[in-house]
C-alpha atoms as a PDB file:
ATOM      1  CA  MET A   1      85.173  68.347 125.473  1.00  0.00           C
ATOM      2  CA  PRO A   2      88.848  67.688 124.642  1.00  0.00           C
ATOM      3  CA  THR A   3      90.936  70.852 124.313  1.00  0.00           C
ATOM      4  CA  GLU A   4      94.100  71.388 122.298  1.00  0.00           C
ATOM      5  CA  ILE A   5      96.600  73.839 123.811  1.00  0.00           C
ATOM      6  CA  GLU A   6      99.647  74.521 121.691  1.00  0.00           C
ATOM      7  CA  ALA A   7     102.408  76.998 120.990  1.00  0.00           C
ATOM      8  CA  LYS A   8     103.845  77.207 117.482  1.00  0.00           C
ATOM      9  CA  ILE A   9     107.043  79.012 116.513  1.00  0.00           C
ATOM     10  CA  LYS A  10     108.661  79.363 113.093  1.00  0.00           C
ATOM     11  CA  VAL A  11     112.290  78.251 113.257  1.00  0.00           C
ATOM     12  CA  ASP A  12     115.242  78.118 110.875  1.00  0.00           C
ATOM     13  CA  ASP A  13     116.877  74.885 111.987  1.00  0.00           C
ATOM     14  CA  LEU A  14     115.087  71.740 113.162  1.00  0.00           C
ATOM     15  CA  GLU A  15     118.345  69.842 113.774  1.00  0.00           C
ATOM     16  CA  ASN A  16     119.329  72.318 116.481  1.00  0.00           C
ATOM     17  CA  PHE A  17     116.069  71.618 118.314  1.00  0.00           C
ATOM     18  CA  SER A  18     116.540  67.851 117.967  1.00  0.00           C
ATOM     19  CA  HIS A  19     119.810  68.244 119.854  1.00  0.00           C
ATOM     20  CA  ARG A  20     118.198  70.491 122.485  1.00  0.00           C
ATOM     21  CA  LEU A  21     115.409  67.968 123.015  1.00  0.00           C
ATOM     22  CA  GLN A  22     117.910  65.139 123.395  1.00  0.00           C
ATOM     23  CA  SER A  23     119.886  67.148 125.951  1.00  0.00           C
ATOM     24  CA  LEU A  24     116.666  67.731 127.933  1.00  0.00           C
ATOM     25  CA  GLY A  25     116.045  63.974 128.020  1.00  0.00           C
ATOM     26  CA  ALA A  26     113.102  64.100 125.613  1.00  0.00           C
ATOM     27  CA  LYS A  27     112.266  60.878 123.780  1.00  0.00           C
ATOM     28  CA  GLN A  28     111.698  60.832 120.046  1.00  0.00           C
ATOM     29  CA  ARG A  29     108.509  58.867 119.424  1.00  0.00           C
ATOM     30  CA  ARG A  30     108.401  58.746 115.648  1.00  0.00           C
ATOM     31  CA  ILE A  31     109.047  60.468 112.350  1.00  0.00           C
ATOM     32  CA  VAL A  32     105.936  60.575 110.215  1.00  0.00           C
ATOM     33  CA  LEU A  33     104.722  61.985 106.899  1.00  0.00           C
ATOM     34  CA  GLN A  34     101.289  63.559 107.289  1.00  0.00           C
ATOM     35  CA  ARG A  35      98.892  64.515 104.524  1.00  0.00           C
ATOM     36  CA  ASP A  36      95.992  66.673 105.696  1.00  0.00           C
ATOM     37  CA  PHE A  37      92.700  66.925 103.777  1.00  0.00           C
ATOM     38  CA  PHE A  38      90.520  69.875 104.878  1.00  0.00           C
ATOM     39  CA  PHE A  39      86.819  70.041 104.116  1.00  0.00           C
ATOM     40  CA  ASP A  40      84.260  72.816 104.348  1.00  0.00           C
ATOM     41  CA  ARG A  41      80.681  73.556 103.391  1.00  0.00           C
ATOM     42  CA  PRO A  42      80.075  75.301 100.045  1.00  0.00           C
ATOM     43  CA  ASP A  43      79.498  78.596 101.924  1.00  0.00           C
ATOM     44  CA  HIS A  44      82.871  78.232 103.736  1.00  0.00           C
ATOM     45  CA  SER A  45      81.063  78.478 107.063  1.00  0.00           C
ATOM     46  CA  LEU A  46      83.609  76.326 108.902  1.00  0.00           C
ATOM     47  CA  LYS A  47      86.593  78.449 107.818  1.00  0.00           C
ATOM     48  CA  ASN A  48      84.623  81.666 108.364  1.00  0.00           C
ATOM     49  CA  THR A  49      83.936  80.665 111.993  1.00  0.00           C
ATOM     50  CA  ASP A  50      87.572  79.578 112.573  1.00  0.00           C
ATOM     51  CA  CYS A  51      86.633  75.886 112.658  1.00  0.00           C
ATOM     52  CA  GLY A  52      88.239  73.016 110.803  1.00  0.00           C
ATOM     53  CA  LEU A  53      87.231  69.581 109.551  1.00  0.00           C
ATOM     54  CA  ARG A  54      90.167  67.402 108.583  1.00  0.00           C
ATOM     55  CA  ILE A  55      91.195  63.904 107.664  1.00  0.00           C
ATOM     56  CA  ARG A  56      94.856  63.295 108.404  1.00  0.00           C
ATOM     57  CA  GLN A  57      96.654  60.439 106.709  1.00  0.00           C
ATOM     58  CA  GLU A  58      99.783  59.438 108.619  1.00  0.00           C
ATOM     59  CA  LYS A  59     102.480  57.262 107.107  1.00  0.00           C
ATOM     60  CA  TYR A  60     104.764  55.798 109.724  1.00  0.00           C
ATOM     61  CA  ARG A  61     107.151  53.077 108.625  1.00  0.00           C
ATOM     62  CA  ASP A  62     104.927  50.632 106.692  1.00  0.00           C
ATOM     63  CA  ALA A  63     101.680  51.626 108.416  1.00  0.00           C
ATOM     64  CA  VAL A  64      99.054  54.135 107.280  1.00  0.00           C
ATOM     65  CA  LYS A  65      96.572  55.604 109.734  1.00  0.00           C
ATOM     66  CA  ASN A  66      93.661  57.972 109.003  1.00  0.00           C
ATOM     67  CA  ILE A  67      92.335  60.339 111.670  1.00  0.00           C
ATOM     68  CA  LEU A  68      89.113  62.351 111.372  1.00  0.00           C
ATOM     69  CA  CYS A  69      89.233  65.621 113.320  1.00  0.00           C
ATOM     70  CA  PHE A  70      87.014  68.606 114.109  1.00  0.00           C
ATOM     71  CA  LYS A  71      88.618  71.761 115.522  1.00  0.00           C
ATOM     72  CA  GLY A  72      86.583  74.540 117.094  1.00  0.00           C
ATOM     73  CA  PRO A  73      87.418  78.253 117.050  1.00  0.00           C
ATOM     74  CA  VAL A  74      90.599  79.470 118.757  1.00  0.00           C
ATOM     75  CA  ALA A  75      89.947  80.900 122.236  1.00  0.00           C
ATOM     76  CA  LYS A  76      90.638  84.613 122.557  1.00  0.00           C
ATOM     77  CA  ASP A  77      91.692  84.448 126.230  1.00  0.00           C
ATOM     78  CA  SER A  78      94.942  82.507 125.796  1.00  0.00           C
ATOM     79  CA  PRO A  79      98.410  83.483 124.576  1.00  0.00           C
ATOM     80  CA  TYR A  80      98.529  80.070 122.866  1.00  0.00           C
ATOM     81  CA  LYS A  81      96.342  78.369 120.312  1.00  0.00           C
ATOM     82  CA  LYS A  82      93.626  76.856 122.486  1.00  0.00           C
ATOM     83  CA  ARG A  83      90.579  75.207 120.945  1.00  0.00           C
ATOM     84  CA  GLN A  84      88.175  72.302 121.123  1.00  0.00           C
ATOM     85  CA  GLU A  85      89.504  69.259 119.278  1.00  0.00           C
ATOM     86  CA  ILE A  86      87.617  66.028 118.648  1.00  0.00           C
ATOM     87  CA  GLU A  87      89.440  63.302 116.757  1.00  0.00           C
ATOM     88  CA  PHE A  88      89.232  59.582 116.187  1.00  0.00           C
ATOM     89  CA  GLU A  89      90.687  56.992 113.860  1.00  0.00           C
ATOM     90  CA  ALA A  90      88.866  56.396 110.591  1.00  0.00           C
ATOM     91  CA  GLY A  91      89.906  53.035 109.152  1.00  0.00           C
ATOM     92  CA  ASP A  92      89.724  53.854 105.435  1.00  0.00           C
ATOM     93  CA  GLY A  93      90.782  57.375 104.457  1.00  0.00           C
ATOM     94  CA  LEU A  94      89.207  57.257 100.998  1.00  0.00           C
ATOM     95  CA  LEU A  95      85.857  56.129 102.433  1.00  0.00           C
ATOM     96  CA  ALA A  96      86.081  58.838 105.098  1.00  0.00           C
ATOM     97  CA  ARG A  97      86.613  61.483 102.385  1.00  0.00           C
ATOM     98  CA  GLN A  98      83.695  60.071 100.366  1.00  0.00           C
ATOM     99  CA  PHE A  99      81.543  60.082 103.511  1.00  0.00           C
ATOM    100  CA  LEU A 100      82.227  63.775 104.163  1.00  0.00           C
ATOM    101  CA  GLN A 101      81.561  64.617 100.521  1.00  0.00           C
ATOM    102  CA  ALA A 102      78.257  62.688 100.649  1.00  0.00           C
ATOM    103  CA  LEU A 103      77.294  64.895 103.619  1.00  0.00           C
ATOM    104  CA  GLY A 104      77.879  67.977 101.468  1.00  0.00           C
ATOM    105  CA  TYR A 105      81.401  68.912 102.516  1.00  0.00           C
ATOM    106  CA  GLN A 106      83.904  69.870  99.815  1.00  0.00           C
ATOM    107  CA  LEU A 107      87.638  69.285  99.766  1.00  0.00           C
ATOM    108  CA  THR A 108      89.219  72.742 100.000  1.00  0.00           C
ATOM    109  CA  LEU A 109      92.852  72.149 100.996  1.00  0.00           C
ATOM    110  CA  THR A 110      95.422  69.360 100.993  1.00  0.00           C
ATOM    111  CA  PHE A 111      98.969  69.656 102.247  1.00  0.00           C
ATOM    112  CA  GLU A 112     101.884  67.587 103.489  1.00  0.00           C
ATOM    113  CA  LYS A 113     104.217  67.914 106.393  1.00  0.00           C
ATOM    114  CA  ARG A 114     107.127  65.941 107.746  1.00  0.00           C
ATOM    115  CA  ARG A 115     106.895  65.628 111.511  1.00  0.00           C
ATOM    116  CA  SER A 116     109.388  64.456 114.104  1.00  0.00           C
ATOM    117  CA  GLU A 117     107.376  63.847 117.277  1.00  0.00           C
ATOM    118  CA  TRP A 118     108.984  64.010 120.719  1.00  0.00           C
ATOM    119  CA  ARG A 119     107.745  63.573 124.282  1.00  0.00           C
ATOM    120  CA  TRP A 120     109.102  65.706 127.125  1.00  0.00           C
ATOM    121  CA  GLU A 121     107.482  65.582 130.549  1.00  0.00           C
ATOM    122  CA  ASN A 122     103.741  65.887 129.813  1.00  0.00           C
ATOM    123  CA  CYS A 123     104.085  67.684 126.461  1.00  0.00           C
ATOM    124  CA  THR A 124     104.286  66.535 122.873  1.00  0.00           C
ATOM    125  CA  ILE A 125     106.842  68.539 120.925  1.00  0.00           C
ATOM    126  CA  CYS A 126     106.780  68.354 117.145  1.00  0.00           C
ATOM    127  CA  LEU A 127     109.453  69.482 114.731  1.00  0.00           C
ATOM    128  CA  ASP A 128     107.551  70.133 111.508  1.00  0.00           C
ATOM    129  CA  GLU A 129     108.523  70.891 107.954  1.00  0.00           C
ATOM    130  CA  VAL A 130     105.423  72.049 106.092  1.00  0.00           C
ATOM    131  CA  ALA A 131     105.261  72.188 102.300  1.00  0.00           C
ATOM    132  CA  VAL A 132     105.616  75.796 101.109  1.00  0.00           C
ATOM    133  CA  LEU A 133     105.571  77.285 104.653  1.00  0.00           C
ATOM    134  CA  GLY A 134     108.867  76.070 106.103  1.00  0.00           C
ATOM    135  CA  LYS A 135     109.975  74.790 109.510  1.00  0.00           C
ATOM    136  CA  PHE A 136     108.142  75.045 112.807  1.00  0.00           C
ATOM    137  CA  LEU A 137     108.292  73.819 116.372  1.00  0.00           C
ATOM    138  CA  GLU A 138     104.979  72.989 118.070  1.00  0.00           C
ATOM    139  CA  ILE A 139     104.461  72.269 121.743  1.00  0.00           C
ATOM    140  CA  GLU A 140     101.170  70.729 122.825  1.00  0.00           C
ATOM    141  CA  GLY A 141     100.434  70.240 126.492  1.00  0.00           C
ATOM    142  CA  PRO A 142      97.625  69.555 128.950  1.00  0.00           C
ATOM    143  CA  ASP A 143      97.558  73.176 130.157  1.00  0.00           C
ATOM    144  CA  GLU A 144      99.170  76.559 129.558  1.00  0.00           C
ATOM    145  CA  SER A 145     101.717  76.173 132.358  1.00  0.00           C
ATOM    146  CA  ALA A 146     103.077  72.928 130.853  1.00  0.00           C
ATOM    147  CA  VAL A 147     103.425  74.607 127.440  1.00  0.00           C
ATOM    148  CA  ARG A 148     105.119  77.628 129.038  1.00  0.00           C
ATOM    149  CA  LYS A 149     107.547  75.325 130.917  1.00  0.00           C
ATOM    150  CA  ALA A 150     108.513  73.574 127.668  1.00  0.00           C
ATOM    151  CA  LEU A 151     109.027  76.914 125.897  1.00  0.00           C
ATOM    152  CA  THR A 152     111.318  78.002 128.738  1.00  0.00           C
ATOM    153  CA  ALA A 153     113.270  74.733 128.691  1.00  0.00           C
ATOM    154  CA  LEU A 154     113.815  75.130 124.936  1.00  0.00           C
ATOM    155  CA  GLU A 155     114.862  78.778 125.436  1.00  0.00           C
ATOM    156  CA  LEU A 156     111.928  80.015 123.378  1.00  0.00           C
ATOM    157  CA  SER A 157     109.878  81.840 126.012  1.00  0.00           C
ATOM    158  CA  ASP A 158     110.776  85.234 124.516  1.00  0.00           C
ATOM    159  CA  GLN A 159     109.633  84.216 121.009  1.00  0.00           C
ATOM    160  CA  GLN A 160     106.276  85.252 119.555  1.00  0.00           C
ATOM    161  CA  THR A 161     103.985  82.248 119.170  1.00  0.00           C
ATOM    162  CA  ILE A 162     101.779  81.751 116.118  1.00  0.00           C
ATOM    163  CA  ARG A 163      98.089  81.278 116.903  1.00  0.00           C
ATOM    164  CA  SER A 164      97.151  80.284 113.342  1.00  0.00           C
ATOM    165  CA  GLY A 165      97.124  76.694 112.173  1.00  0.00           C
ATOM    166  CA  TYR A 166      99.010  75.534 109.112  1.00  0.00           C
ATOM    167  CA  ALA A 167      95.723  75.332 107.210  1.00  0.00           C
ATOM    168  CA  SER A 168      94.965  79.011 107.896  1.00  0.00           C
ATOM    169  CA  MET A 169      98.451  80.019 106.787  1.00  0.00           C
ATOM    170  CA  LEU A 170      98.104  78.013 103.575  1.00  0.00           C
ATOM    171  CA  TYR A 171      94.611  79.392 102.861  1.00  0.00           C
ATOM    172  CA  GLN A 172      96.126  82.886 103.201  1.00  0.00           C
ATOM    173  CA  ARG A 173      98.961  81.975 100.826  1.00  0.00           C
ATOM    174  CA  ALA A 174      96.478  80.615  98.250  1.00  0.00           C
ATOM    175  CA  HIS A 175      94.295  83.718  98.635  1.00  0.00           C
ATOM    176  CA  GLU A 176      97.283  86.001  98.029  1.00  0.00           C
ATOM    177  CA  ALA A 177      98.203  83.967  94.914  1.00  0.00           C
ATOM    178  CA  HIS A 178      94.574  84.105  93.676  1.00  0.00           C
ATOM    179  CA  THR A 179      94.383  80.326  93.228  1.00  0.00           C
ATOM    180  CA  PRO A 180      90.959  78.675  93.301  1.00  0.00           C
ATOM    181  CA  PRO A 181      90.234  75.714  95.616  1.00  0.00           C
ATOM    182  CA  PRO A 182      90.976  72.965  96.151  1.00  0.00           C
ATOM    183  CA  HIS A 183      94.438  74.148  97.180  1.00  0.00           C
ATOM    184  CA  GLU A 184      97.228  71.577  97.151  1.00  0.00           C
ATOM    185  CA  PHE A 185     100.655  71.966  98.734  1.00  0.00           C
ATOM    186  CA  TYR A 186     103.045  69.029  98.464  1.00  0.00           C
ATOM    187  CA  PHE A 187     106.779  68.536  98.779  1.00  0.00           C
END
């Protein structure tokens, strides 16, 4: 099964990291607006088992792409967020949402983020601005050593990484504000 291995760090300034990435020889791949739609069963069994079911709508230039994704629980034996991830393109995002709802899943969370995606060695490095939450740097790599190497190159190896996903952080924010689902966080 495909595995996602990533380190996430909250940062104050994304521009600073753009310059660092350029100086390392990283290549900017794209700047994209992402809208994530999270679904769960009525009993919240996916969220309660640390799993996620998402449709991501990506707007890049004039193109729109929809990606259906399942994420398994985060592994306990890693300093980074490490979990099973299965994703594939779903041609029509509205039909994909209707399909999940017909299977009994309910829309529980929607949020937007602006993402600048970079490639350095064998890692994808994303500079994210997430509605309500702020700015983050994410490093995703094929293994823990590649992620650790990128953290070191970016002078972030001494920083505490965040093992929660944006969805979990936004669910927590909505819970603290006592707002009923579906939760929506837009720019």
